[in-house]
Amino acid sequence: MSQTTDTAAAAIKAAITENPVMLFMKGTAMFPQCGFSARVVQILTHSGVPFKTVNVLEDPELRDGIKAFSNWPTIPQLYVKGEFVGGCDIVTEMFQSGELQTLFEQNGIAKTAAT
């Protein structure tokens, strides 16, 4: 592994360790820059759980690093309690089936106050 890859991996590990619900995406939660990222933000917002995001477009090293870290070729990528959940299709399917909400509950991720 190169020094840069190690740095990206360390940043990714820190982000998913420190944030119970972590989304690596293109753009920001307020301004997603791809439809798939926008959809996952919409699902997380609808689910009412607090989440943090990292804009991979701001850091090419991180964008490549997250793909290697998860062994998953696409972005967005959702992590819950440090575990890789999946990308847009998987998150959408889990949301529609109720599995995503169950995953949040099992991991003790409380919904924020209703808006």
PDB file of N, CA and C in Angstrom:
ATOM      1  N   MET A   1       0.831  -1.199   0.000  1.00  0.00           N
ATOM      2  CA  MET A   1       0.000   0.000   0.000  1.00  0.00           C
ATOM      3  C   MET A   1       0.868   1.253   0.000  1.00  0.00           C
ATOM      4  N   SER A   2       0.436   2.224  -0.708  1.00  0.00           N
ATOM      5  CA  SER A   2       1.191   3.476  -0.743  1.00  0.00           C
ATOM      6  C   SER A   2       0.829   4.320   0.469  1.00  0.00           C
ATOM      7  N   GLN A   3       1.642   5.321   0.715  1.00  0.00           N
ATOM      8  CA  GLN A   3       1.398   6.241   1.834  1.00  0.00           C
ATOM      9  C   GLN A   3       0.032   6.917   1.688  1.00  0.00           C
ATOM     10  N   THR A   4      -0.303   7.337   0.455  1.00  0.00           N
ATOM     11  CA  THR A   4      -1.565   8.041   0.239  1.00  0.00           C
ATOM     12  C   THR A   4      -2.751   7.115   0.504  1.00  0.00           C
ATOM     13  N   THR A   5      -2.650   5.865   0.092  1.00  0.00           N
ATOM     14  CA  THR A   5      -3.733   4.916   0.327  1.00  0.00           C
ATOM     15  C   THR A   5      -3.922   4.698   1.823  1.00  0.00           C
ATOM     16  N   ASP A   6      -2.804   4.607   2.560  1.00  0.00           N
ATOM     17  CA  ASP A   6      -2.877   4.444   4.010  1.00  0.00           C
ATOM     18  C   ASP A   6      -3.573   5.637   4.660  1.00  0.00           C
ATOM     19  N   THR A   7      -3.262   6.833   4.177  1.00  0.00           N
ATOM     20  CA  THR A   7      -3.862   8.053   4.709  1.00  0.00           C
ATOM     21  C   THR A   7      -5.373   8.054   4.467  1.00  0.00           C
ATOM     22  N   ALA A   8      -5.786   7.702   3.256  1.00  0.00           N
ATOM     23  CA  ALA A   8      -7.216   7.647   2.937  1.00  0.00           C
ATOM     24  C   ALA A   8      -7.911   6.594   3.792  1.00  0.00           C
ATOM     25  N   ALA A   9      -7.301   5.428   3.924  1.00  0.00           N
ATOM     26  CA  ALA A   9      -7.890   4.350   4.728  1.00  0.00           C
ATOM     27  C   ALA A   9      -8.039   4.779   6.183  1.00  0.00           C
ATOM     28  N   ALA A  10      -7.042   5.484   6.708  1.00  0.00           N
ATOM     29  CA  ALA A  10      -7.110   5.964   8.097  1.00  0.00           C
ATOM     30  C   ALA A  10      -8.246   6.973   8.262  1.00  0.00           C
ATOM     31  N   ALA A  11      -8.398   7.873   7.286  1.00  0.00           N
ATOM     32  CA  ALA A  11      -9.476   8.872   7.342  1.00  0.00           C
ATOM     33  C   ALA A  11     -10.848   8.193   7.268  1.00  0.00           C
ATOM     34  N   ILE A  12     -10.974   7.192   6.411  1.00  0.00           N
ATOM     35  CA  ILE A  12     -12.235   6.455   6.267  1.00  0.00           C
ATOM     36  C   ILE A  12     -12.556   5.724   7.561  1.00  0.00           C
ATOM     37  N   LYS A  13     -11.557   5.025   8.112  1.00  0.00           N
ATOM     38  CA  LYS A  13     -11.765   4.264   9.352  1.00  0.00           C
ATOM     39  C   LYS A  13     -12.186   5.199  10.486  1.00  0.00           C
ATOM     40  N   ALA A  14     -11.554   6.358  10.566  1.00  0.00           N
ATOM     41  CA  ALA A  14     -11.908   7.328  11.612  1.00  0.00           C
ATOM     42  C   ALA A  14     -13.345   7.809  11.424  1.00  0.00           C
ATOM     43  N   ALA A  15     -13.727   8.113  10.193  1.00  0.00           N
ATOM     44  CA  ALA A  15     -15.081   8.621   9.923  1.00  0.00           C
ATOM     45  C   ALA A  15     -16.148   7.594  10.275  1.00  0.00           C
ATOM     46  N   ILE A  16     -15.920   6.330   9.904  1.00  0.00           N
ATOM     47  CA  ILE A  16     -16.962   5.329  10.172  1.00  0.00           C
ATOM     48  C   ILE A  16     -16.966   4.883  11.631  1.00  0.00           C
ATOM     49  N   THR A  17     -15.853   5.103  12.337  1.00  0.00           N
ATOM     50  CA  THR A  17     -15.790   4.765  13.754  1.00  0.00           C
ATOM     51  C   THR A  17     -16.471   5.843  14.587  1.00  0.00           C
ATOM     52  N   GLU A  18     -16.262   7.105  14.199  1.00  0.00           N
ATOM     53  CA  GLU A  18     -16.759   8.233  14.994  1.00  0.00           C
ATOM     54  C   GLU A  18     -18.226   8.550  14.729  1.00  0.00           C
ATOM     55  N   ASN A  19     -18.762   8.108  13.593  1.00  0.00           N
ATOM     56  CA  ASN A  19     -20.137   8.453  13.227  1.00  0.00           C
ATOM     57  C   ASN A  19     -20.960   7.185  13.035  1.00  0.00           C
ATOM     58  N   PRO A  20     -21.993   6.984  13.875  1.00  0.00           N
ATOM     59  CA  PRO A  20     -22.787   5.755  13.771  1.00  0.00           C
ATOM     60  C   PRO A  20     -23.407   5.536  12.386  1.00  0.00           C
ATOM     61  N   VAL A  21     -23.838   6.612  11.733  1.00  0.00           N
ATOM     62  CA  VAL A  21     -24.377   6.508  10.370  1.00  0.00           C
ATOM     63  C   VAL A  21     -23.546   7.448   9.496  1.00  0.00           C
ATOM     64  N   MET A  22     -22.773   6.846   8.595  1.00  0.00           N
ATOM     65  CA  MET A  22     -21.810   7.601   7.782  1.00  0.00           C
ATOM     66  C   MET A  22     -22.061   7.320   6.315  1.00  0.00           C
ATOM     67  N   LEU A  23     -22.208   8.384   5.538  1.00  0.00           N
ATOM     68  CA  LEU A  23     -22.473   8.244   4.107  1.00  0.00           C
ATOM     69  C   LEU A  23     -21.359   8.919   3.317  1.00  0.00           C
ATOM     70  N   PHE A  24     -20.679   8.123   2.509  1.00  0.00           N
ATOM     71  CA  PHE A  24     -19.709   8.664   1.561  1.00  0.00           C
ATOM     72  C   PHE A  24     -20.480   8.889   0.272  1.00  0.00           C
ATOM     73  N   MET A  25     -20.488  10.135  -0.209  1.00  0.00           N
ATOM     74  CA  MET A  25     -21.364  10.484  -1.325  1.00  0.00           C
ATOM     75  C   MET A  25     -20.707  11.508  -2.237  1.00  0.00           C
ATOM     76  N   LYS A  26     -21.369  11.745  -3.360  1.00  0.00           N
ATOM     77  CA  LYS A  26     -20.939  12.800  -4.280  1.00  0.00           C
ATOM     78  C   LYS A  26     -21.772  14.030  -3.965  1.00  0.00           C
ATOM     79  N   GLY A  27     -21.096  15.065  -3.483  1.00  0.00           N
ATOM     80  CA  GLY A  27     -21.794  16.267  -3.065  1.00  0.00           C
ATOM     81  C   GLY A  27     -22.010  16.259  -1.567  1.00  0.00           C
ATOM     82  N   THR A  28     -22.955  17.067  -1.119  1.00  0.00           N
ATOM     83  CA  THR A  28     -23.277  17.167   0.306  1.00  0.00           C
ATOM     84  C   THR A  28     -24.753  16.821   0.505  1.00  0.00           C
ATOM     85  N   ALA A  29     -25.143  16.637   1.753  1.00  0.00           N
ATOM     86  CA  ALA A  29     -26.542  16.326   2.047  1.00  0.00           C
ATOM     87  C   ALA A  29     -27.464  17.436   1.552  1.00  0.00           C
ATOM     88  N   MET A  30     -26.992  18.676   1.646  1.00  0.00           N
ATOM     89  CA  MET A  30     -27.805  19.806   1.190  1.00  0.00           C
ATOM     90  C   MET A  30     -27.765  19.983  -0.323  1.00  0.00           C
ATOM     91  N   PHE A  31     -26.672  19.495  -0.948  1.00  0.00           N
ATOM     92  CA  PHE A  31     -26.511  19.672  -2.385  1.00  0.00           C
ATOM     93  C   PHE A  31     -25.853  18.432  -3.000  1.00  0.00           C
ATOM     94  N   PRO A  32     -26.616  17.335  -3.072  1.00  0.00           N
ATOM     95  CA  PRO A  32     -26.062  16.119  -3.678  1.00  0.00           C
ATOM     96  C   PRO A  32     -25.726  16.371  -5.150  1.00  0.00           C
ATOM     97  N   GLN A  33     -24.644  15.752  -5.622  1.00  0.00           N
ATOM     98  CA  GLN A  33     -24.227  15.967  -6.988  1.00  0.00           C
ATOM     99  C   GLN A  33     -24.380  14.727  -7.860  1.00  0.00           C
ATOM    100  N   CYS A  34     -25.175  13.776  -7.391  1.00  0.00           N
ATOM    101  CA  CYS A  34     -25.591  12.671  -8.257  1.00  0.00           C
ATOM    102  C   CYS A  34     -26.918  12.138  -7.726  1.00  0.00           C
ATOM    103  N   GLY A  35     -27.701  11.582  -8.605  1.00  0.00           N
ATOM    104  CA  GLY A  35     -29.031  11.107  -8.240  1.00  0.00           C
ATOM    105  C   GLY A  35     -29.012   9.998  -7.210  1.00  0.00           C
ATOM    106  N   PHE A  36     -28.008   9.124  -7.290  1.00  0.00           N
ATOM    107  CA  PHE A  36     -27.928   8.011  -6.343  1.00  0.00           C
ATOM    108  C   PHE A  36     -27.622   8.521  -4.938  1.00  0.00           C
ATOM    109  N   SER A  37     -26.700   9.483  -4.850  1.00  0.00           N
ATOM    110  CA  SER A  37     -26.391  10.080  -3.548  1.00  0.00           C
ATOM    111  C   SER A  37     -27.613  10.804  -2.998  1.00  0.00           C
ATOM    112  N   ALA A  38     -28.314  11.523  -3.862  1.00  0.00           N
ATOM    113  CA  ALA A  38     -29.521  12.251  -3.444  1.00  0.00           C
ATOM    114  C   ALA A  38     -30.566  11.286  -2.884  1.00  0.00           C
ATOM    115  N   ARG A  39     -30.723  10.145  -3.527  1.00  0.00           N
ATOM    116  CA  ARG A  39     -31.726   9.163  -3.079  1.00  0.00           C
ATOM    117  C   ARG A  39     -31.395   8.619  -1.686  1.00  0.00           C
ATOM    118  N   VAL A  40     -30.121   8.299  -1.443  1.00  0.00           N
ATOM    119  CA  VAL A  40     -29.743   7.772  -0.128  1.00  0.00           C
ATOM    120  C   VAL A  40     -29.929   8.843   0.950  1.00  0.00           C
ATOM    121  N   VAL A  41     -29.572  10.093   0.648  1.00  0.00           N
ATOM    122  CA  VAL A  41     -29.802  11.192   1.595  1.00  0.00           C
ATOM    123  C   VAL A  41     -31.295  11.295   1.904  1.00  0.00           C
ATOM    124  N   GLN A  42     -32.121  11.201   0.871  1.00  0.00           N
ATOM    125  CA  GLN A  42     -33.579  11.282   1.043  1.00  0.00           C
ATOM    126  C   GLN A  42     -34.078  10.155   1.960  1.00  0.00           C
ATOM    127  N   ILE A  43     -33.579   8.953   1.753  1.00  0.00           N
ATOM    128  CA  ILE A  43     -33.977   7.801   2.575  1.00  0.00           C
ATOM    129  C   ILE A  43     -33.546   8.004   4.027  1.00  0.00           C
ATOM    130  N   LEU A  44     -32.302   8.430   4.234  1.00  0.00           N
ATOM    131  CA  LEU A  44     -31.812   8.645   5.598  1.00  0.00           C
ATOM    132  C   LEU A  44     -32.590   9.760   6.286  1.00  0.00           C
ATOM    133  N   THR A  45     -32.867  10.825   5.564  1.00  0.00           N
ATOM    134  CA  THR A  45     -33.641  11.935   6.114  1.00  0.00           C
ATOM    135  C   THR A  45     -35.046  11.460   6.491  1.00  0.00           C
ATOM    136  N   HIS A  46     -35.669  10.708   5.586  1.00  0.00           N
ATOM    137  CA  HIS A  46     -37.009  10.173   5.844  1.00  0.00           C
ATOM    138  C   HIS A  46     -36.999   9.223   7.045  1.00  0.00           C
ATOM    139  N   SER A  47     -35.917   8.463   7.194  1.00  0.00           N
ATOM    140  CA  SER A  47     -35.804   7.516   8.309  1.00  0.00           C
ATOM    141  C   SER A  47     -35.647   8.236   9.642  1.00  0.00           C
ATOM    142  N   GLY A  48     -35.226   9.499   9.586  1.00  0.00           N
ATOM    143  CA  GLY A  48     -35.141  10.303  10.798  1.00  0.00           C
ATOM    144  C   GLY A  48     -33.924  10.042  11.658  1.00  0.00           C
ATOM    145  N   VAL A  49     -32.907   9.406  11.101  1.00  0.00           N
ATOM    146  CA  VAL A  49     -31.709   9.139  11.891  1.00  0.00           C
ATOM    147  C   VAL A  49     -30.651  10.204  11.607  1.00  0.00           C
ATOM    148  N   PRO A  50     -29.872  10.564  12.621  1.00  0.00           N
ATOM    149  CA  PRO A  50     -28.788  11.516  12.372  1.00  0.00           C
ATOM    150  C   PRO A  50     -27.694  10.830  11.563  1.00  0.00           C
ATOM    151  N   PHE A  51     -27.137  11.546  10.595  1.00  0.00           N
ATOM    152  CA  PHE A  51     -26.061  10.964   9.798  1.00  0.00           C
ATOM    153  C   PHE A  51     -25.081  12.033   9.381  1.00  0.00           C
ATOM    154  N   LYS A  52     -23.874  11.599   9.098  1.00  0.00           N
ATOM    155  CA  LYS A  52     -22.819  12.486   8.616  1.00  0.00           C
ATOM    156  C   LYS A  52     -22.479  12.080   7.189  1.00  0.00           C
ATOM    157  N   THR A  53     -21.971  13.037   6.427  1.00  0.00           N
ATOM    158  CA  THR A  53     -21.584  12.748   5.049  1.00  0.00           C
ATOM    159  C   THR A  53     -20.161  13.214   4.783  1.00  0.00           C
ATOM    160  N   VAL A  54     -19.536  12.575   3.805  1.00  0.00           N
ATOM    161  CA  VAL A  54     -18.247  13.014   3.278  1.00  0.00           C
ATOM    162  C   VAL A  54     -18.418  13.140   1.771  1.00  0.00           C
ATOM    163  N   ASN A  55     -18.027  14.291   1.247  1.00  0.00           N
ATOM    164  CA  ASN A  55     -18.103  14.538  -0.193  1.00  0.00           C
ATOM    165  C   ASN A  55     -16.832  14.006  -0.839  1.00  0.00           C
ATOM    166  N   VAL A  56     -16.940  12.874  -1.526  1.00  0.00           N
ATOM    167  CA  VAL A  56     -15.746  12.262  -2.130  1.00  0.00           C
ATOM    168  C   VAL A  56     -15.239  13.059  -3.325  1.00  0.00           C
ATOM    169  N   LEU A  57     -16.061  13.961  -3.864  1.00  0.00           N
ATOM    170  CA  LEU A  57     -15.620  14.772  -4.999  1.00  0.00           C
ATOM    171  C   LEU A  57     -14.555  15.791  -4.595  1.00  0.00           C
ATOM    172  N   GLU A  58     -14.472  16.080  -3.302  1.00  0.00           N
ATOM    173  CA  GLU A  58     -13.485  17.043  -2.818  1.00  0.00           C
ATOM    174  C   GLU A  58     -12.100  16.432  -2.682  1.00  0.00           C
ATOM    175  N   ASP A  59     -12.006  15.102  -2.735  1.00  0.00           N
ATOM    176  CA  ASP A  59     -10.731  14.441  -2.483  1.00  0.00           C
ATOM    177  C   ASP A  59     -10.623  13.166  -3.332  1.00  0.00           C
ATOM    178  N   PRO A  60      -9.933  13.244  -4.485  1.00  0.00           N
ATOM    179  CA  PRO A  60      -9.809  12.079  -5.371  1.00  0.00           C
ATOM    180  C   PRO A  60      -9.185  10.870  -4.667  1.00  0.00           C
ATOM    181  N   GLU A  61      -8.260  11.128  -3.756  1.00  0.00           N
ATOM    182  CA  GLU A  61      -7.627  10.039  -3.013  1.00  0.00           C
ATOM    183  C   GLU A  61      -8.660   9.305  -2.158  1.00  0.00           C
ATOM    184  N   LEU A  62      -9.533  10.077  -1.530  1.00  0.00           N
ATOM    185  CA  LEU A  62     -10.590   9.493  -0.709  1.00  0.00           C
ATOM    186  C   LEU A  62     -11.606   8.758  -1.582  1.00  0.00           C
ATOM    187  N   ARG A  63     -11.911   9.325  -2.743  1.00  0.00           N
ATOM    188  CA  ARG A  63     -12.875   8.688  -3.646  1.00  0.00           C
ATOM    189  C   ARG A  63     -12.371   7.316  -4.077  1.00  0.00           C
ATOM    190  N   ASP A  64     -11.095   7.215  -4.420  1.00  0.00           N
ATOM    191  CA  ASP A  64     -10.523   5.913  -4.776  1.00  0.00           C
ATOM    192  C   ASP A  64     -10.363   5.041  -3.535  1.00  0.00           C
ATOM    193  N   GLY A  65      -9.992   5.675  -2.430  1.00  0.00           N
ATOM    194  CA  GLY A  65      -9.748   4.940  -1.189  1.00  0.00           C
ATOM    195  C   GLY A  65     -10.979   4.241  -0.653  1.00  0.00           C
ATOM    196  N   ILE A  66     -12.138   4.896  -0.729  1.00  0.00           N
ATOM    197  CA  ILE A  66     -13.362   4.283  -0.196  1.00  0.00           C
ATOM    198  C   ILE A  66     -13.755   3.061  -1.019  1.00  0.00           C
ATOM    199  N   LYS A  67     -13.514   3.100  -2.309  1.00  0.00           N
ATOM    200  CA  LYS A  67     -13.822   1.947  -3.167  1.00  0.00           C
ATOM    201  C   LYS A  67     -12.939   0.755  -2.806  1.00  0.00           C
ATOM    202  N   ALA A  68     -11.662   1.024  -2.538  1.00  0.00           N
ATOM    203  CA  ALA A  68     -10.745  -0.040  -2.141  1.00  0.00           C
ATOM    204  C   ALA A  68     -11.073  -0.530  -0.727  1.00  0.00           C
ATOM    205  N   PHE A  69     -11.417   0.397   0.157  1.00  0.00           N
ATOM    206  CA  PHE A  69     -11.696   0.075   1.557  1.00  0.00           C
ATOM    207  C   PHE A  69     -12.851  -0.917   1.669  1.00  0.00           C
ATOM    208  N   SER A  70     -13.906  -0.669   0.905  1.00  0.00           N
ATOM    209  CA  SER A  70     -15.113  -1.501   0.995  1.00  0.00           C
ATOM    210  C   SER A  70     -15.127  -2.621  -0.031  1.00  0.00           C
ATOM    211  N   ASN A  71     -14.206  -2.542  -0.995  1.00  0.00           N
ATOM    212  CA  ASN A  71     -14.221  -3.464  -2.132  1.00  0.00           C
ATOM    213  C   ASN A  71     -15.552  -3.353  -2.870  1.00  0.00           C
ATOM    214  N   TRP A  72     -16.025  -2.121  -2.992  1.00  0.00           N
ATOM    215  CA  TRP A  72     -17.311  -1.817  -3.639  1.00  0.00           C
ATOM    216  C   TRP A  72     -17.035  -0.715  -4.663  1.00  0.00           C
ATOM    217  N   PRO A  73     -17.448  -0.890  -5.923  1.00  0.00           N
ATOM    218  CA  PRO A  73     -16.988   0.009  -6.983  1.00  0.00           C
ATOM    219  C   PRO A  73     -17.722   1.336  -7.124  1.00  0.00           C
ATOM    220  N   THR A  74     -18.825   1.518  -6.427  1.00  0.00           N
ATOM    221  CA  THR A  74     -19.632   2.708  -6.675  1.00  0.00           C
ATOM    222  C   THR A  74     -19.823   3.546  -5.411  1.00  0.00           C
ATOM    223  N   ILE A  75     -20.258   4.773  -5.647  1.00  0.00           N
ATOM    224  CA  ILE A  75     -20.580   5.728  -4.587  1.00  0.00           C
ATOM    225  C   ILE A  75     -22.000   6.191  -4.871  1.00  0.00           C
ATOM    226  N   PRO A  76     -22.859   6.314  -3.904  1.00  0.00           N
ATOM    227  CA  PRO A  76     -22.617   6.427  -2.472  1.00  0.00           C
ATOM    228  C   PRO A  76     -22.370   5.081  -1.786  1.00  0.00           C
ATOM    229  N   GLN A  77     -21.823   5.195  -0.569  1.00  0.00           N
ATOM    230  CA  GLN A  77     -21.623   4.034   0.287  1.00  0.00           C
ATOM    231  C   GLN A  77     -22.074   4.399   1.697  1.00  0.00           C
ATOM    232  N   LEU A  78     -22.929   3.539   2.252  1.00  0.00           N
ATOM    233  CA  LEU A  78     -23.467   3.776   3.594  1.00  0.00           C
ATOM    234  C   LEU A  78     -22.834   2.811   4.588  1.00  0.00           C
ATOM    235  N   TYR A  79     -22.419   3.369   5.724  1.00  0.00           N
ATOM    236  CA  TYR A  79     -21.884   2.577   6.824  1.00  0.00           C
ATOM    237  C   TYR A  79     -22.740   2.823   8.054  1.00  0.00           C
ATOM    238  N   VAL A  80     -23.050   1.750   8.783  1.00  0.00           N
ATOM    239  CA  VAL A  80     -23.784   1.856  10.044  1.00  0.00           C
ATOM    240  C   VAL A  80     -22.956   1.153  11.110  1.00  0.00           C
ATOM    241  N   LYS A  81     -22.593   1.910  12.137  1.00  0.00           N
ATOM    242  CA  LYS A  81     -21.762   1.395  13.237  1.00  0.00           C
ATOM    243  C   LYS A  81     -20.495   0.723  12.705  1.00  0.00           C
ATOM    244  N   GLY A  82     -19.878   1.334  11.706  1.00  0.00           N
ATOM    245  CA  GLY A  82     -18.613   0.843  11.183  1.00  0.00           C
ATOM    246  C   GLY A  82     -18.725  -0.270  10.164  1.00  0.00           C
ATOM    247  N   GLU A  83     -19.943  -0.758   9.920  1.00  0.00           N
ATOM    248  CA  GLU A  83     -20.146  -1.855   8.964  1.00  0.00           C
ATOM    249  C   GLU A  83     -20.675  -1.308   7.649  1.00  0.00           C
ATOM    250  N   PHE A  84     -20.108  -1.791   6.561  1.00  0.00           N
ATOM    251  CA  PHE A  84     -20.565  -1.383   5.230  1.00  0.00           C
ATOM    252  C   PHE A  84     -21.938  -1.985   4.963  1.00  0.00           C
ATOM    253  N   VAL A  85     -22.905  -1.141   4.633  1.00  0.00           N
ATOM    254  CA  VAL A  85     -24.271  -1.588   4.343  1.00  0.00           C
ATOM    255  C   VAL A  85     -24.441  -1.806   2.846  1.00  0.00           C
ATOM    256  N   GLY A  86     -24.058  -0.795   2.045  1.00  0.00           N
ATOM    257  CA  GLY A  86     -24.185  -0.925   0.599  1.00  0.00           C
ATOM    258  C   GLY A  86     -24.332   0.421  -0.069  1.00  0.00           C
ATOM    259  N   GLY A  87     -24.679   0.350  -1.339  1.00  0.00           N
ATOM    260  CA  GLY A  87     -24.885   1.546  -2.140  1.00  0.00           C
ATOM    261  C   GLY A  87     -26.366   1.856  -2.274  1.00  0.00           C
ATOM    262  N   CYS A  88     -26.690   2.656  -3.261  1.00  0.00           N
ATOM    263  CA  CYS A  88     -28.050   3.151  -3.430  1.00  0.00           C
ATOM    264  C   CYS A  88     -29.089   2.039  -3.582  1.00  0.00           C
ATOM    265  N   ASP A  89     -28.827   1.070  -4.459  1.00  0.00           N
ATOM    266  CA  ASP A  89     -29.816   0.009  -4.699  1.00  0.00           C
ATOM    267  C   ASP A  89     -30.090  -0.803  -3.441  1.00  0.00           C
ATOM    268  N   ILE A  90     -29.030  -1.192  -2.740  1.00  0.00           N
ATOM    269  CA  ILE A  90     -29.186  -1.992  -1.523  1.00  0.00           C
ATOM    270  C   ILE A  90     -29.908  -1.194  -0.450  1.00  0.00           C
ATOM    271  N   VAL A  91     -29.506   0.055  -0.256  1.00  0.00           N
ATOM    272  CA  VAL A  91     -30.147   0.905   0.757  1.00  0.00           C
ATOM    273  C   VAL A  91     -31.626   1.102   0.421  1.00  0.00           C
ATOM    274  N   THR A  92     -31.934   1.317  -0.861  1.00  0.00           N
ATOM    275  CA  THR A  92     -33.328   1.500  -1.284  1.00  0.00           C
ATOM    276  C   THR A  92     -34.144   0.237  -1.000  1.00  0.00           C
ATOM    277  N   GLU A  93     -33.603  -0.920  -1.369  1.00  0.00           N
ATOM    278  CA  GLU A  93     -34.310  -2.187  -1.120  1.00  0.00           C
ATOM    279  C   GLU A  93     -34.523  -2.415   0.372  1.00  0.00           C
ATOM    280  N   MET A  94     -33.478  -2.148   1.168  1.00  0.00           N
ATOM    281  CA  MET A  94     -33.593  -2.336   2.617  1.00  0.00           C
ATOM    282  C   MET A  94     -34.618  -1.383   3.218  1.00  0.00           C
ATOM    283  N   PHE A  95     -34.662  -0.159   2.715  1.00  0.00           N
ATOM    284  CA  PHE A  95     -35.632   0.819   3.201  1.00  0.00           C
ATOM    285  C   PHE A  95     -37.053   0.357   2.874  1.00  0.00           C
ATOM    286  N   GLN A  96     -37.269  -0.078   1.647  1.00  0.00           N
ATOM    287  CA  GLN A  96     -38.607  -0.496   1.207  1.00  0.00           C
ATOM    288  C   GLN A  96     -39.094  -1.731   1.964  1.00  0.00           C
ATOM    289  N   SER A  97     -38.173  -2.615   2.336  1.00  0.00           N
ATOM    290  CA  SER A  97     -38.564  -3.847   3.031  1.00  0.00           C
ATOM    291  C   SER A  97     -38.657  -3.660   4.548  1.00  0.00           C
ATOM    292  N   GLY A  98     -38.155  -2.532   5.053  1.00  0.00           N
ATOM    293  CA  GLY A  98     -38.151  -2.293   6.489  1.00  0.00           C
ATOM    294  C   GLY A  98     -36.853  -2.734   7.156  1.00  0.00           C
ATOM    295  N   GLU A  99     -35.973  -3.393   6.401  1.00  0.00           N
ATOM    296  CA  GLU A  99     -34.710  -3.877   6.972  1.00  0.00           C
ATOM    297  C   GLU A  99     -33.816  -2.751   7.459  1.00  0.00           C
ATOM    298  N   LEU A 100     -33.827  -1.623   6.762  1.00  0.00           N
ATOM    299  CA  LEU A 100     -32.951  -0.508   7.129  1.00  0.00           C
ATOM    300  C   LEU A 100     -33.345   0.040   8.502  1.00  0.00           C
ATOM    301  N   GLN A 101     -34.649   0.223   8.702  1.00  0.00           N
ATOM    302  CA  GLN A 101     -35.130   0.726   9.984  1.00  0.00           C
ATOM    303  C   GLN A 101     -34.772  -0.265  11.099  1.00  0.00           C
ATOM    304  N   THR A 102     -34.902  -1.560  10.818  1.00  0.00           N
ATOM    305  CA  THR A 102     -34.540  -2.592  11.792  1.00  0.00           C
ATOM    306  C   THR A 102     -33.054  -2.524  12.111  1.00  0.00           C
ATOM    307  N   LEU A 103     -32.227  -2.326  11.086  1.00  0.00           N
ATOM    308  CA  LEU A 103     -30.777  -2.206  11.283  1.00  0.00           C
ATOM    309  C   LEU A 103     -30.461  -1.035  12.205  1.00  0.00           C
ATOM    310  N   PHE A 104     -31.127   0.099  11.985  1.00  0.00           N
ATOM    311  CA  PHE A 104     -30.907   1.260  12.849  1.00  0.00           C
ATOM    312  C   PHE A 104     -31.312   0.940  14.287  1.00  0.00           C
ATOM    313  N   GLU A 105     -32.475   0.309  14.455  1.00  0.00           N
ATOM    314  CA  GLU A 105     -32.975  -0.023  15.794  1.00  0.00           C
ATOM    315  C   GLU A 105     -32.034  -1.004  16.492  1.00  0.00           C
ATOM    316  N   GLN A 106     -31.590  -2.041  15.786  1.00  0.00           N
ATOM    317  CA  GLN A 106     -30.704  -3.042  16.374  1.00  0.00           C
ATOM    318  C   GLN A 106     -29.383  -2.447  16.812  1.00  0.00           C
ATOM    319  N   ASN A 107     -28.960  -1.391  16.149  1.00  0.00           N
ATOM    320  CA  ASN A 107     -27.697  -0.748  16.474  1.00  0.00           C
ATOM    321  C   ASN A 107     -27.871   0.434  17.430  1.00  0.00           C
ATOM    322  N   GLY A 108     -29.082   0.607  17.939  1.00  0.00           N
ATOM    323  CA  GLY A 108     -29.338   1.652  18.926  1.00  0.00           C
ATOM    324  C   GLY A 108     -29.242   3.055  18.383  1.00  0.00           C
ATOM    325  N   ILE A 109     -29.532   3.205  17.083  1.00  0.00           N
ATOM    326  CA  ILE A 109     -29.482   4.533  16.470  1.00  0.00           C
ATOM    327  C   ILE A 109     -30.885   5.140  16.562  1.00  0.00           C
ATOM    328  N   ALA A 110     -31.006   6.103  17.444  1.00  0.00           N
ATOM    329  CA  ALA A 110     -32.305   6.704  17.719  1.00  0.00           C
ATOM    330  C   ALA A 110     -32.670   7.707  16.634  1.00  0.00           C
ATOM    331  N   LYS A 111     -33.933   7.773  16.357  1.00  0.00           N
ATOM    332  CA  LYS A 111     -34.430   8.806  15.439  1.00  0.00           C
ATOM    333  C   LYS A 111     -34.323  10.149  16.118  1.00  0.00           C
ATOM    334  N   THR A 112     -34.084  11.169  15.323  1.00  0.00           N
ATOM    335  CA  THR A 112     -34.074  12.521  15.864  1.00  0.00           C
ATOM    336  C   THR A 112     -35.532  12.961  16.022  1.00  0.00           C
ATOM    337  N   ALA A 113     -35.752  14.016  16.711  1.00  0.00           N
ATOM    338  CA  ALA A 113     -37.111  14.523  16.913  1.00  0.00           C
ATOM    339  C   ALA A 113     -37.781  14.768  15.560  1.00  0.00           C
ATOM    340  N   ALA A 114     -39.042  14.445  15.499  1.00  0.00           N
ATOM    341  CA  ALA A 114     -39.798  14.612  14.250  1.00  0.00           C
ATOM    342  C   ALA A 114     -39.792  16.080  13.842  1.00  0.00           C
ATOM    343  N   THR A 115     -39.658  16.290  12.529  1.00  0.00           N
ATOM    344  CA  THR A 115     -39.630  17.664  12.041  1.00  0.00           C
ATOM    345  C   THR A 115     -40.950  18.006  11.390  1.00  0.00           C
TER     346      THR A 115
END
